[in-house]
Every structure is written in C-alpha cells, then in structure tokens.
Amino acid sequence: MPDLSTAREALSNHAPRLVTGDPYPQAAVAAIFHDQPEDARLLFIERARCDGDPWSGDLAFPGGRVEAQDGSVHDTAERETREEIGWSLEEVDRLGRLDDMAGSVLPITVSACVYATRIEQSPTLSAEVVDVFWTPVADLLDPERRTVHTLRRRGAERTFPALDVLGPGCPLLWGVTYRFVCDLMQFFGHDLPT
C-alpha cells in the first residue's frame, strides 16, 4: 500500500517550477492527504453544476482564484478550502508545492499546495461544491480506473487522460487536477499516463 512517508520526503526536497509574470489569471488549490499508516488517501471535491462555469460538475481539489488580499498561493489555497468545504488548514502539515501548471482548456496558471492531516474535519459545503470525499492513493494507481475524458466544445472534440474514481455515471478526474495527481503519484514512485 502507498505510504505517505515516501512522498513526504520526496516533496520536502522538491524545488517547484513556478510561473511568474504571465498575463493569465492565477489560481491555487489544496491537495490534502489523510495521513494513515500504509493507506494514504487524497481529498477531492465534486463541483456543483452551474451555467457559465467551465469547471461545472468536475472533480477537483478545493481551490480558486488568487485575490488581492492573499499574501501567497498557500493563503489562496487555504482561504478557498475554508470557503468551499469549511476546513481550516492552519493545524495541518504543509508538505510542499508542486510545479505550477497552465490550464488545459482556459488560460489560467494554477499552483498546487500539498498538505497532510491526521484529523478528518466535518465539511460545511458551499454552494460551489456538492460533495467532498477521500480516495485511496492505491485506487489512483489502479490501471482498471484509467480512461479518457472527451471534451466537446464549439463543434470540436478533444480527449484527455482521466481516472474513474467514483464509478459509472459519475464525473471523471481529468484536466489540470489529473495532471497534478500525476505529479503527486511520482512522489510515491509511480507514473500515470499523461
């Protein structure tokens, strides 16, 4: 079973590639592990369906756009986590930060801050979120869960690698969140298709 101690050590030595000075909006997300011996789990949210929201109904990490009052991307990730699911990240371990990424579909730069907690807080979901759930790292590595997401926009079709973490008829994990998960799994010593 994947053990968070391996990833924790690798993340502590990771110097993330940061995007600075680009003209695109910036966002930050919180990748939160539940630290259990030999059974690490990663927290995801399911976004509410909303007209005009490009991430409507998607699986994601808690997060959102950087605002002027945020002093750092960690501040953004922590504020957005509080706003979206009611969790405080003040008493959890900061494990590090992943490489910044550009959005797959929209022009945005996203930073991912990585945390670990041993405490499960009761969620208070905002109107932007319909569910919050833990997924075992072992499930994220399971080849049987690998699939593709087909995006249809403006008469064109694109496919993206994805994971089926919730089962048939449920949203897939894809896009920038999937790419962050790929990066995280490398810290456990595993590669996912990109």
N, C-alpha and C. Protein backbone atom coordinates (compact mmCIF):
# COMPACT_ATOMS: atom_id res chain seq x y z
N MET A 1 0.84 -1.19 0.00
CA MET A 1 0.00 0.00 0.00
C MET A 1 0.88 1.25 0.00
N PRO A 2 0.48 2.28 -0.73
CA PRO A 2 1.27 3.51 -0.76
C PRO A 2 1.36 4.17 0.62
N ASP A 3 2.55 4.55 0.97
CA ASP A 3 2.82 5.14 2.28
C ASP A 3 3.20 6.61 2.08
N LEU A 4 2.55 7.49 2.80
CA LEU A 4 2.79 8.92 2.62
C LEU A 4 4.20 9.33 3.01
N SER A 5 4.88 8.56 3.85
CA SER A 5 6.23 8.96 4.27
C SER A 5 7.18 9.05 3.08
N THR A 6 7.01 8.19 2.08
CA THR A 6 7.83 8.25 0.86
C THR A 6 7.62 9.56 0.13
N ALA A 7 6.34 9.91 -0.07
CA ALA A 7 6.01 11.15 -0.78
C ALA A 7 6.41 12.36 0.04
N ARG A 8 6.23 12.28 1.35
CA ARG A 8 6.58 13.41 2.24
C ARG A 8 8.05 13.77 2.09
N GLU A 9 8.91 12.77 2.09
CA GLU A 9 10.35 13.01 1.97
C GLU A 9 10.70 13.58 0.61
N ALA A 10 10.12 13.01 -0.45
CA ALA A 10 10.40 13.49 -1.81
C ALA A 10 9.92 14.93 -1.99
N LEU A 11 8.74 15.25 -1.46
CA LEU A 11 8.22 16.61 -1.57
C LEU A 11 9.09 17.61 -0.82
N SER A 12 9.65 17.20 0.31
CA SER A 12 10.48 18.13 1.09
C SER A 12 11.74 18.54 0.34
N ASN A 13 12.16 17.71 -0.63
CA ASN A 13 13.35 18.02 -1.42
C ASN A 13 13.02 18.59 -2.79
N HIS A 14 11.74 18.80 -3.07
CA HIS A 14 11.31 19.25 -4.40
C HIS A 14 11.34 20.77 -4.50
N ALA A 15 12.03 21.26 -5.52
CA ALA A 15 12.03 22.71 -5.81
C ALA A 15 11.07 22.93 -6.99
N PRO A 16 9.86 23.41 -6.73
CA PRO A 16 8.87 23.53 -7.80
C PRO A 16 9.23 24.57 -8.85
N ARG A 17 8.84 24.27 -10.09
CA ARG A 17 8.97 25.25 -11.17
C ARG A 17 7.77 26.18 -11.07
N LEU A 18 8.04 27.47 -10.89
CA LEU A 18 6.98 28.44 -10.71
C LEU A 18 6.84 29.30 -11.94
N VAL A 19 5.61 29.63 -12.27
CA VAL A 19 5.32 30.52 -13.39
C VAL A 19 5.18 31.92 -12.82
N THR A 20 5.99 32.83 -13.30
CA THR A 20 5.90 34.22 -12.83
C THR A 20 5.79 35.16 -14.02
N GLY A 21 5.04 36.21 -13.83
CA GLY A 21 4.97 37.26 -14.83
C GLY A 21 4.12 36.96 -16.04
N ASP A 22 3.35 35.85 -16.04
CA ASP A 22 2.50 35.64 -17.21
C ASP A 22 1.23 36.47 -17.05
N PRO A 23 0.53 36.77 -18.15
CA PRO A 23 -0.62 37.67 -18.08
C PRO A 23 -1.92 36.98 -17.66
N TYR A 24 -1.89 35.67 -17.45
CA TYR A 24 -3.12 34.92 -17.19
C TYR A 24 -3.54 35.03 -15.73
N PRO A 25 -4.83 34.83 -15.47
CA PRO A 25 -5.28 34.79 -14.08
C PRO A 25 -4.57 33.65 -13.35
N GLN A 26 -4.44 33.79 -12.04
CA GLN A 26 -3.78 32.77 -11.23
C GLN A 26 -4.77 32.17 -10.24
N ALA A 27 -4.58 30.89 -9.98
CA ALA A 27 -5.41 30.17 -9.01
C ALA A 27 -4.51 29.27 -8.19
N ALA A 28 -5.03 28.82 -7.05
CA ALA A 28 -4.29 27.88 -6.21
C ALA A 28 -5.25 26.86 -5.64
N VAL A 29 -4.78 25.63 -5.51
CA VAL A 29 -5.58 24.55 -4.96
C VAL A 29 -4.83 23.88 -3.82
N ALA A 30 -5.59 23.15 -2.98
CA ALA A 30 -5.02 22.42 -1.86
C ALA A 30 -5.16 20.92 -2.12
N ALA A 31 -4.04 20.24 -2.28
CA ALA A 31 -4.02 18.79 -2.38
C ALA A 31 -3.78 18.27 -0.96
N ILE A 32 -4.82 17.68 -0.36
CA ILE A 32 -4.79 17.32 1.06
C ILE A 32 -4.78 15.80 1.20
N PHE A 33 -3.73 15.28 1.82
CA PHE A 33 -3.65 13.85 2.12
C PHE A 33 -4.16 13.58 3.52
N HIS A 34 -4.87 12.47 3.67
CA HIS A 34 -5.18 11.95 5.01
C HIS A 34 -4.09 10.95 5.31
N ASP A 35 -3.28 11.27 6.29
CA ASP A 35 -2.07 10.52 6.61
C ASP A 35 -2.42 9.36 7.54
N GLN A 36 -2.53 8.17 6.94
CA GLN A 36 -2.77 6.96 7.70
C GLN A 36 -1.66 5.97 7.37
N PRO A 37 -1.20 5.19 8.33
CA PRO A 37 -0.12 4.24 8.03
C PRO A 37 -0.49 3.31 6.88
N GLU A 38 0.33 3.31 5.86
CA GLU A 38 0.22 2.42 4.70
C GLU A 38 -1.10 2.54 3.96
N ASP A 39 -1.83 3.62 4.13
CA ASP A 39 -3.10 3.79 3.42
C ASP A 39 -3.39 5.27 3.21
N ALA A 40 -2.49 5.96 2.53
CA ALA A 40 -2.70 7.39 2.28
C ALA A 40 -3.93 7.58 1.39
N ARG A 41 -4.68 8.64 1.69
CA ARG A 41 -5.85 8.99 0.88
C ARG A 41 -5.75 10.46 0.51
N LEU A 42 -6.35 10.82 -0.63
CA LEU A 42 -6.30 12.17 -1.15
C LEU A 42 -7.72 12.71 -1.24
N LEU A 43 -7.90 13.98 -0.84
CA LEU A 43 -9.22 14.59 -0.79
C LEU A 43 -9.57 15.26 -2.12
N PHE A 44 -10.79 15.03 -2.57
CA PHE A 44 -11.33 15.68 -3.77
C PHE A 44 -12.70 16.26 -3.46
N ILE A 45 -13.08 17.23 -4.27
CA ILE A 45 -14.44 17.76 -4.22
C ILE A 45 -15.09 17.52 -5.58
N GLU A 46 -16.41 17.48 -5.56
CA GLU A 46 -17.19 17.50 -6.80
C GLU A 46 -17.85 18.86 -6.88
N ARG A 47 -17.53 19.59 -7.93
CA ARG A 47 -18.07 20.94 -8.08
C ARG A 47 -19.54 20.89 -8.50
N ALA A 48 -20.28 21.88 -8.04
CA ALA A 48 -21.70 21.99 -8.41
C ALA A 48 -21.81 22.31 -9.90
N ARG A 49 -22.92 21.88 -10.49
CA ARG A 49 -23.18 22.22 -11.89
C ARG A 49 -23.76 23.63 -11.93
N CYS A 50 -23.14 24.46 -12.78
CA CYS A 50 -23.51 25.87 -12.84
C CYS A 50 -23.26 26.39 -14.25
N ASP A 51 -24.27 26.97 -14.86
CA ASP A 51 -24.12 27.53 -16.21
C ASP A 51 -23.02 28.58 -16.21
N GLY A 52 -22.18 28.53 -17.22
CA GLY A 52 -21.12 29.51 -17.38
C GLY A 52 -19.85 29.19 -16.62
N ASP A 53 -19.88 28.15 -15.77
CA ASP A 53 -18.67 27.75 -15.03
C ASP A 53 -17.94 26.68 -15.83
N PRO A 54 -16.72 26.96 -16.27
CA PRO A 54 -16.00 25.99 -17.10
C PRO A 54 -15.65 24.70 -16.36
N TRP A 55 -15.68 24.72 -15.02
CA TRP A 55 -15.36 23.52 -14.24
C TRP A 55 -16.61 22.91 -13.62
N SER A 56 -17.77 23.28 -14.15
CA SER A 56 -19.05 22.81 -13.63
C SER A 56 -19.10 21.29 -13.57
N GLY A 57 -19.39 20.76 -12.38
CA GLY A 57 -19.55 19.32 -12.21
C GLY A 57 -18.27 18.52 -12.17
N ASP A 58 -17.12 19.16 -12.28
CA ASP A 58 -15.84 18.44 -12.31
C ASP A 58 -15.39 17.99 -10.92
N LEU A 59 -14.52 16.99 -10.91
CA LEU A 59 -13.81 16.61 -9.69
C LEU A 59 -12.57 17.47 -9.62
N ALA A 60 -12.22 17.90 -8.44
CA ALA A 60 -11.11 18.85 -8.29
C ALA A 60 -10.57 18.81 -6.87
N PHE A 61 -9.50 19.56 -6.65
CA PHE A 61 -9.06 19.88 -5.31
C PHE A 61 -9.76 21.17 -4.90
N PRO A 62 -9.98 21.41 -3.61
CA PRO A 62 -10.51 22.71 -3.22
C PRO A 62 -9.55 23.81 -3.68
N GLY A 63 -10.11 24.90 -4.16
CA GLY A 63 -9.25 25.99 -4.60
C GLY A 63 -9.99 27.00 -5.45
N GLY A 64 -9.28 28.02 -5.86
CA GLY A 64 -9.88 29.06 -6.68
C GLY A 64 -8.88 30.14 -7.01
N ARG A 65 -9.40 31.23 -7.52
CA ARG A 65 -8.54 32.32 -8.00
C ARG A 65 -7.85 33.07 -6.87
N VAL A 66 -6.63 33.50 -7.17
CA VAL A 66 -5.87 34.34 -6.24
C VAL A 66 -6.56 35.70 -6.16
N GLU A 67 -6.72 36.19 -4.94
CA GLU A 67 -7.32 37.51 -4.73
C GLU A 67 -6.27 38.46 -4.16
N ALA A 68 -6.52 39.73 -4.28
CA ALA A 68 -5.54 40.76 -3.91
C ALA A 68 -5.08 40.64 -2.46
N GLN A 69 -5.97 40.22 -1.56
CA GLN A 69 -5.61 40.15 -0.14
C GLN A 69 -4.78 38.91 0.20
N ASP A 70 -4.66 37.97 -0.72
CA ASP A 70 -3.88 36.75 -0.45
C ASP A 70 -2.39 37.08 -0.52
N GLY A 71 -1.66 36.74 0.53
CA GLY A 71 -0.23 37.02 0.56
C GLY A 71 0.61 36.02 -0.21
N SER A 72 0.06 34.81 -0.44
CA SER A 72 0.79 33.76 -1.14
C SER A 72 -0.20 32.78 -1.71
N VAL A 73 0.28 31.85 -2.55
CA VAL A 73 -0.61 30.83 -3.08
C VAL A 73 -1.10 29.91 -1.96
N HIS A 74 -0.29 29.72 -0.92
CA HIS A 74 -0.77 28.95 0.24
C HIS A 74 -1.96 29.65 0.88
N ASP A 75 -1.89 30.99 1.00
CA ASP A 75 -3.02 31.74 1.55
C ASP A 75 -4.27 31.52 0.70
N THR A 76 -4.11 31.54 -0.63
CA THR A 76 -5.25 31.33 -1.52
C THR A 76 -5.83 29.93 -1.34
N ALA A 77 -4.97 28.92 -1.36
CA ALA A 77 -5.44 27.53 -1.22
C ALA A 77 -6.16 27.33 0.11
N GLU A 78 -5.62 27.92 1.17
CA GLU A 78 -6.21 27.75 2.50
C GLU A 78 -7.52 28.53 2.62
N ARG A 79 -7.58 29.74 2.07
CA ARG A 79 -8.82 30.53 2.10
C ARG A 79 -9.91 29.82 1.30
N GLU A 80 -9.57 29.36 0.11
CA GLU A 80 -10.55 28.69 -0.74
C GLU A 80 -11.04 27.39 -0.12
N THR A 81 -10.17 26.65 0.55
CA THR A 81 -10.58 25.42 1.23
C THR A 81 -11.58 25.74 2.33
N ARG A 82 -11.30 26.79 3.08
CA ARG A 82 -12.22 27.24 4.14
C ARG A 82 -13.57 27.64 3.53
N GLU A 83 -13.53 28.41 2.44
CA GLU A 83 -14.77 28.89 1.81
C GLU A 83 -15.57 27.76 1.18
N GLU A 84 -14.90 26.80 0.53
CA GLU A 84 -15.60 25.77 -0.23
C GLU A 84 -16.07 24.59 0.62
N ILE A 85 -15.26 24.17 1.60
CA ILE A 85 -15.65 22.99 2.38
C ILE A 85 -15.62 23.23 3.90
N GLY A 86 -15.29 24.44 4.32
CA GLY A 86 -15.32 24.77 5.74
C GLY A 86 -14.17 24.21 6.56
N TRP A 87 -13.10 23.78 5.91
CA TRP A 87 -11.96 23.20 6.64
C TRP A 87 -10.87 24.23 6.86
N SER A 88 -10.29 24.19 8.04
CA SER A 88 -9.12 25.01 8.34
C SER A 88 -7.87 24.17 8.08
N LEU A 89 -6.91 24.76 7.41
CA LEU A 89 -5.63 24.08 7.16
C LEU A 89 -4.52 24.64 8.05
N GLU A 90 -4.89 25.41 9.07
CA GLU A 90 -3.88 26.03 9.95
C GLU A 90 -3.13 25.00 10.78
N GLU A 91 -3.77 23.91 11.18
CA GLU A 91 -3.15 22.93 12.06
C GLU A 91 -2.69 21.67 11.32
N VAL A 92 -2.56 21.72 10.01
CA VAL A 92 -2.12 20.56 9.25
C VAL A 92 -0.69 20.78 8.75
N ASP A 93 -0.05 19.71 8.32
CA ASP A 93 1.32 19.80 7.82
C ASP A 93 1.35 20.31 6.39
N ARG A 94 2.18 21.31 6.13
CA ARG A 94 2.46 21.74 4.75
C ARG A 94 3.59 20.87 4.24
N LEU A 95 3.31 20.08 3.21
CA LEU A 95 4.34 19.18 2.68
C LEU A 95 5.16 19.82 1.57
N GLY A 96 4.61 20.80 0.90
CA GLY A 96 5.34 21.43 -0.20
C GLY A 96 4.41 21.96 -1.26
N ARG A 97 4.98 22.14 -2.42
CA ARG A 97 4.25 22.72 -3.54
C ARG A 97 4.67 22.01 -4.81
N LEU A 98 3.72 21.79 -5.71
CA LEU A 98 4.01 21.16 -7.00
C LEU A 98 4.39 22.22 -8.02
N ASP A 99 4.87 21.77 -9.18
CA ASP A 99 5.15 22.70 -10.28
C ASP A 99 3.86 23.39 -10.69
N ASP A 100 3.92 24.69 -10.99
CA ASP A 100 2.75 25.40 -11.50
C ASP A 100 2.36 24.82 -12.86
N MET A 101 1.07 24.92 -13.16
CA MET A 101 0.56 24.39 -14.44
C MET A 101 -0.36 25.38 -15.11
N ALA A 102 -0.35 25.30 -16.44
CA ALA A 102 -1.31 26.07 -17.23
C ALA A 102 -2.56 25.23 -17.42
N GLY A 103 -3.71 25.88 -17.46
CA GLY A 103 -4.96 25.17 -17.69
C GLY A 103 -4.96 24.49 -19.05
N SER A 104 -5.67 23.38 -19.16
CA SER A 104 -5.77 22.63 -20.43
C SER A 104 -6.71 23.30 -21.41
N VAL A 105 -7.76 23.93 -20.88
CA VAL A 105 -8.82 24.45 -21.73
C VAL A 105 -8.87 25.98 -21.69
N LEU A 106 -8.67 26.56 -20.50
CA LEU A 106 -8.73 28.01 -20.35
C LEU A 106 -7.36 28.56 -19.99
N PRO A 107 -7.08 29.83 -20.35
CA PRO A 107 -5.80 30.44 -19.99
C PRO A 107 -5.77 30.83 -18.52
N ILE A 108 -5.19 29.99 -17.70
CA ILE A 108 -5.06 30.23 -16.27
C ILE A 108 -3.83 29.48 -15.78
N THR A 109 -3.13 30.02 -14.80
CA THR A 109 -1.99 29.35 -14.17
C THR A 109 -2.44 28.88 -12.79
N VAL A 110 -2.23 27.60 -12.50
CA VAL A 110 -2.69 27.02 -11.24
C VAL A 110 -1.50 26.52 -10.45
N SER A 111 -1.48 26.86 -9.16
CA SER A 111 -0.47 26.36 -8.22
C SER A 111 -1.14 25.35 -7.30
N ALA A 112 -0.43 24.28 -6.95
CA ALA A 112 -0.97 23.27 -6.04
C ALA A 112 -0.09 23.19 -4.80
N CYS A 113 -0.71 23.43 -3.65
CA CYS A 113 -0.04 23.34 -2.35
C CYS A 113 -0.45 22.01 -1.73
N VAL A 114 0.51 21.29 -1.17
CA VAL A 114 0.26 19.93 -0.68
C VAL A 114 0.30 19.92 0.85
N TYR A 115 -0.70 19.27 1.43
CA TYR A 115 -0.88 19.21 2.88
C TYR A 115 -1.10 17.76 3.33
N ALA A 116 -0.91 17.51 4.61
CA ALA A 116 -1.24 16.22 5.20
C ALA A 116 -1.91 16.46 6.54
N THR A 117 -2.95 15.68 6.81
CA THR A 117 -3.67 15.79 8.08
C THR A 117 -3.96 14.40 8.62
N ARG A 118 -4.02 14.30 9.92
CA ARG A 118 -4.45 13.04 10.56
C ARG A 118 -5.88 13.18 11.08
N ILE A 119 -6.42 14.39 11.00
CA ILE A 119 -7.75 14.69 11.53
C ILE A 119 -8.72 14.88 10.37
N GLU A 120 -9.88 14.23 10.46
CA GLU A 120 -10.94 14.46 9.48
C GLU A 120 -11.89 15.49 10.06
N GLN A 121 -12.02 16.61 9.37
CA GLN A 121 -12.94 17.66 9.80
C GLN A 121 -14.29 17.42 9.15
N SER A 122 -15.35 17.84 9.82
CA SER A 122 -16.68 17.75 9.21
C SER A 122 -16.81 18.86 8.18
N PRO A 123 -17.17 18.50 6.94
CA PRO A 123 -17.26 19.54 5.91
C PRO A 123 -18.53 20.38 6.05
N THR A 124 -18.40 21.64 5.68
CA THR A 124 -19.53 22.54 5.50
C THR A 124 -19.42 23.03 4.07
N LEU A 125 -20.24 22.46 3.19
CA LEU A 125 -20.09 22.71 1.76
C LEU A 125 -20.72 24.03 1.35
N SER A 126 -19.99 24.77 0.51
CA SER A 126 -20.54 26.00 -0.07
C SER A 126 -21.44 25.61 -1.24
N ALA A 127 -22.10 26.60 -1.82
CA ALA A 127 -22.97 26.35 -2.97
C ALA A 127 -22.17 25.90 -4.19
N GLU A 128 -20.84 26.09 -4.17
CA GLU A 128 -19.99 25.69 -5.30
C GLU A 128 -19.65 24.21 -5.30
N VAL A 129 -19.92 23.51 -4.19
CA VAL A 129 -19.48 22.13 -4.01
C VAL A 129 -20.66 21.25 -3.63
N VAL A 130 -20.77 20.07 -4.29
CA VAL A 130 -21.86 19.15 -3.94
C VAL A 130 -21.37 17.95 -3.12
N ASP A 131 -20.07 17.68 -3.14
CA ASP A 131 -19.57 16.54 -2.38
C ASP A 131 -18.08 16.72 -2.10
N VAL A 132 -17.62 16.08 -1.02
CA VAL A 132 -16.21 16.02 -0.68
C VAL A 132 -15.94 14.58 -0.29
N PHE A 133 -14.83 14.01 -0.75
CA PHE A 133 -14.57 12.59 -0.48
C PHE A 133 -13.08 12.30 -0.53
N TRP A 134 -12.69 11.22 0.16
CA TRP A 134 -11.31 10.74 0.16
C TRP A 134 -11.19 9.60 -0.84
N THR A 135 -10.08 9.57 -1.58
CA THR A 135 -9.78 8.46 -2.48
C THR A 135 -8.44 7.88 -2.09
N PRO A 136 -8.38 6.56 -1.85
CA PRO A 136 -7.09 5.94 -1.54
C PRO A 136 -6.10 6.12 -2.69
N VAL A 137 -4.85 6.38 -2.35
CA VAL A 137 -3.81 6.50 -3.38
C VAL A 137 -3.75 5.22 -4.20
N ALA A 138 -3.96 4.07 -3.57
CA ALA A 138 -3.95 2.79 -4.29
C ALA A 138 -4.99 2.79 -5.42
N ASP A 139 -6.16 3.42 -5.20
CA ASP A 139 -7.17 3.50 -6.26
C ASP A 139 -6.71 4.40 -7.40
N LEU A 140 -5.99 5.46 -7.08
CA LEU A 140 -5.50 6.37 -8.13
C LEU A 140 -4.46 5.67 -9.01
N LEU A 141 -3.79 4.68 -8.45
CA LEU A 141 -2.75 3.94 -9.20
C LEU A 141 -3.30 2.71 -9.92
N ASP A 142 -4.54 2.34 -9.67
CA ASP A 142 -5.16 1.14 -10.23
C ASP A 142 -5.36 1.30 -11.75
N PRO A 143 -4.69 0.47 -12.58
CA PRO A 143 -4.84 0.59 -14.04
C PRO A 143 -6.28 0.41 -14.51
N GLU A 144 -7.10 -0.30 -13.75
CA GLU A 144 -8.50 -0.50 -14.14
C GLU A 144 -9.31 0.79 -14.09
N ARG A 145 -8.81 1.79 -13.41
CA ARG A 145 -9.53 3.07 -13.28
C ARG A 145 -9.13 4.07 -14.37
N ARG A 146 -8.17 3.72 -15.20
CA ARG A 146 -7.70 4.64 -16.26
C ARG A 146 -8.69 4.64 -17.42
N THR A 147 -8.97 5.84 -17.91
CA THR A 147 -9.91 6.01 -19.01
C THR A 147 -9.57 7.31 -19.74
N VAL A 148 -10.47 7.78 -20.57
CA VAL A 148 -10.29 9.08 -21.24
C VAL A 148 -11.56 9.91 -21.06
N HIS A 149 -11.37 11.20 -21.02
CA HIS A 149 -12.47 12.16 -20.96
C HIS A 149 -12.54 12.84 -22.32
N THR A 150 -13.72 12.87 -22.92
CA THR A 150 -13.92 13.54 -24.20
C THR A 150 -14.60 14.87 -23.96
N LEU A 151 -13.96 15.92 -24.40
CA LEU A 151 -14.50 17.28 -24.24
C LEU A 151 -14.97 17.77 -25.60
N ARG A 152 -16.24 18.17 -25.64
CA ARG A 152 -16.81 18.71 -26.87
C ARG A 152 -17.10 20.19 -26.65
N ARG A 153 -16.43 21.04 -27.43
CA ARG A 153 -16.64 22.49 -27.34
C ARG A 153 -16.57 23.10 -28.72
N ARG A 154 -17.56 23.93 -28.99
CA ARG A 154 -17.60 24.68 -30.25
C ARG A 154 -17.40 23.76 -31.46
N GLY A 155 -18.05 22.62 -31.45
CA GLY A 155 -18.01 21.70 -32.58
C GLY A 155 -16.75 20.86 -32.69
N ALA A 156 -15.81 21.04 -31.78
CA ALA A 156 -14.56 20.27 -31.81
C ALA A 156 -14.55 19.28 -30.65
N GLU A 157 -13.79 18.21 -30.83
CA GLU A 157 -13.69 17.18 -29.82
C GLU A 157 -12.23 16.95 -29.45
N ARG A 158 -11.95 16.91 -28.14
CA ARG A 158 -10.60 16.60 -27.65
C ARG A 158 -10.71 15.53 -26.58
N THR A 159 -9.70 14.68 -26.50
CA THR A 159 -9.70 13.67 -25.45
C THR A 159 -8.53 13.92 -24.50
N PHE A 160 -8.76 13.59 -23.24
CA PHE A 160 -7.76 13.78 -22.19
C PHE A 160 -7.68 12.51 -21.35
N PRO A 161 -6.48 12.15 -20.86
CA PRO A 161 -6.42 11.02 -19.93
C PRO A 161 -7.21 11.36 -18.67
N ALA A 162 -7.81 10.33 -18.07
CA ALA A 162 -8.68 10.55 -16.92
C ALA A 162 -8.67 9.32 -16.02
N LEU A 163 -9.22 9.49 -14.82
CA LEU A 163 -9.40 8.39 -13.88
C LEU A 163 -10.87 8.32 -13.49
N ASP A 164 -11.40 7.11 -13.42
CA ASP A 164 -12.75 6.88 -12.96
C ASP A 164 -12.66 6.51 -11.48
N VAL A 165 -12.77 7.51 -10.61
CA VAL A 165 -12.61 7.25 -9.17
C VAL A 165 -13.93 7.00 -8.46
N LEU A 166 -15.06 7.36 -9.08
CA LEU A 166 -16.36 7.23 -8.42
C LEU A 166 -17.27 6.17 -9.02
N GLY A 167 -16.94 5.65 -10.20
CA GLY A 167 -17.76 4.62 -10.80
C GLY A 167 -18.62 5.14 -11.95
N PRO A 168 -19.35 4.21 -12.59
CA PRO A 168 -20.14 4.55 -13.78
C PRO A 168 -21.15 5.66 -13.52
N GLY A 169 -21.27 6.52 -14.52
CA GLY A 169 -22.25 7.60 -14.46
C GLY A 169 -21.82 8.80 -13.62
N CYS A 170 -20.64 8.74 -13.03
CA CYS A 170 -20.15 9.84 -12.19
C CYS A 170 -19.07 10.62 -12.94
N PRO A 171 -18.77 11.84 -12.50
CA PRO A 171 -17.73 12.62 -13.17
C PRO A 171 -16.37 11.93 -13.10
N LEU A 172 -15.56 12.17 -14.12
CA LEU A 172 -14.20 11.64 -14.17
C LEU A 172 -13.23 12.67 -13.60
N LEU A 173 -12.09 12.18 -13.15
CA LEU A 173 -10.99 13.05 -12.73
C LEU A 173 -10.12 13.29 -13.96
N TRP A 174 -10.03 14.54 -14.42
CA TRP A 174 -9.30 14.85 -15.64
C TRP A 174 -8.75 16.27 -15.55
N GLY A 175 -8.12 16.74 -16.62
CA GLY A 175 -7.66 18.12 -16.71
C GLY A 175 -6.49 18.42 -15.80
N VAL A 176 -6.43 19.67 -15.32
CA VAL A 176 -5.29 20.09 -14.50
C VAL A 176 -5.24 19.31 -13.19
N THR A 177 -6.40 18.92 -12.65
CA THR A 177 -6.39 18.12 -11.41
C THR A 177 -5.74 16.77 -11.67
N TYR A 178 -6.09 16.14 -12.79
CA TYR A 178 -5.46 14.87 -13.15
C TYR A 178 -3.95 15.04 -13.29
N ARG A 179 -3.53 16.13 -13.94
CA ARG A 179 -2.09 16.35 -14.13
C ARG A 179 -1.37 16.57 -12.80
N PHE A 180 -2.03 17.25 -11.86
CA PHE A 180 -1.44 17.38 -10.52
C PHE A 180 -1.37 16.01 -9.83
N VAL A 181 -2.40 15.19 -10.00
CA VAL A 181 -2.37 13.85 -9.43
C VAL A 181 -1.21 13.05 -10.03
N CYS A 182 -0.97 13.19 -11.33
CA CYS A 182 0.18 12.51 -11.97
C CYS A 182 1.48 12.92 -11.28
N ASP A 183 1.63 14.22 -11.04
CA ASP A 183 2.84 14.71 -10.36
C ASP A 183 2.94 14.13 -8.95
N LEU A 184 1.82 14.13 -8.24
CA LEU A 184 1.83 13.58 -6.87
C LEU A 184 2.20 12.11 -6.85
N MET A 185 1.68 11.34 -7.80
CA MET A 185 1.97 9.90 -7.83
C MET A 185 3.46 9.62 -8.09
N GLN A 186 4.13 10.55 -8.79
CA GLN A 186 5.58 10.38 -8.99
C GLN A 186 6.33 10.44 -7.66
N PHE A 187 5.79 11.20 -6.69
CA PHE A 187 6.42 11.24 -5.38
C PHE A 187 6.25 9.93 -4.61
N PHE A 188 5.30 9.11 -5.04
CA PHE A 188 5.12 7.77 -4.49
C PHE A 188 5.91 6.73 -5.30
N GLY A 189 6.58 7.19 -6.38
CA GLY A 189 7.36 6.29 -7.21
C GLY A 189 6.57 5.63 -8.33
N HIS A 190 5.42 6.25 -8.74
CA HIS A 190 4.57 5.66 -9.78
C HIS A 190 4.27 6.69 -10.86
N ASP A 191 4.11 6.22 -12.09
CA ASP A 191 3.76 7.09 -13.21
C ASP A 191 2.36 6.76 -13.69
N LEU A 192 1.58 7.80 -14.01
CA LEU A 192 0.29 7.65 -14.67
C LEU A 192 0.42 8.15 -16.09
N PRO A 193 -0.44 7.66 -17.00
CA PRO A 193 -0.39 8.16 -18.39
C PRO A 193 -0.66 9.65 -18.44
N THR A 194 0.10 10.38 -19.26
CA THR A 194 -0.12 11.81 -19.43
C THR A 194 -0.44 12.11 -20.88
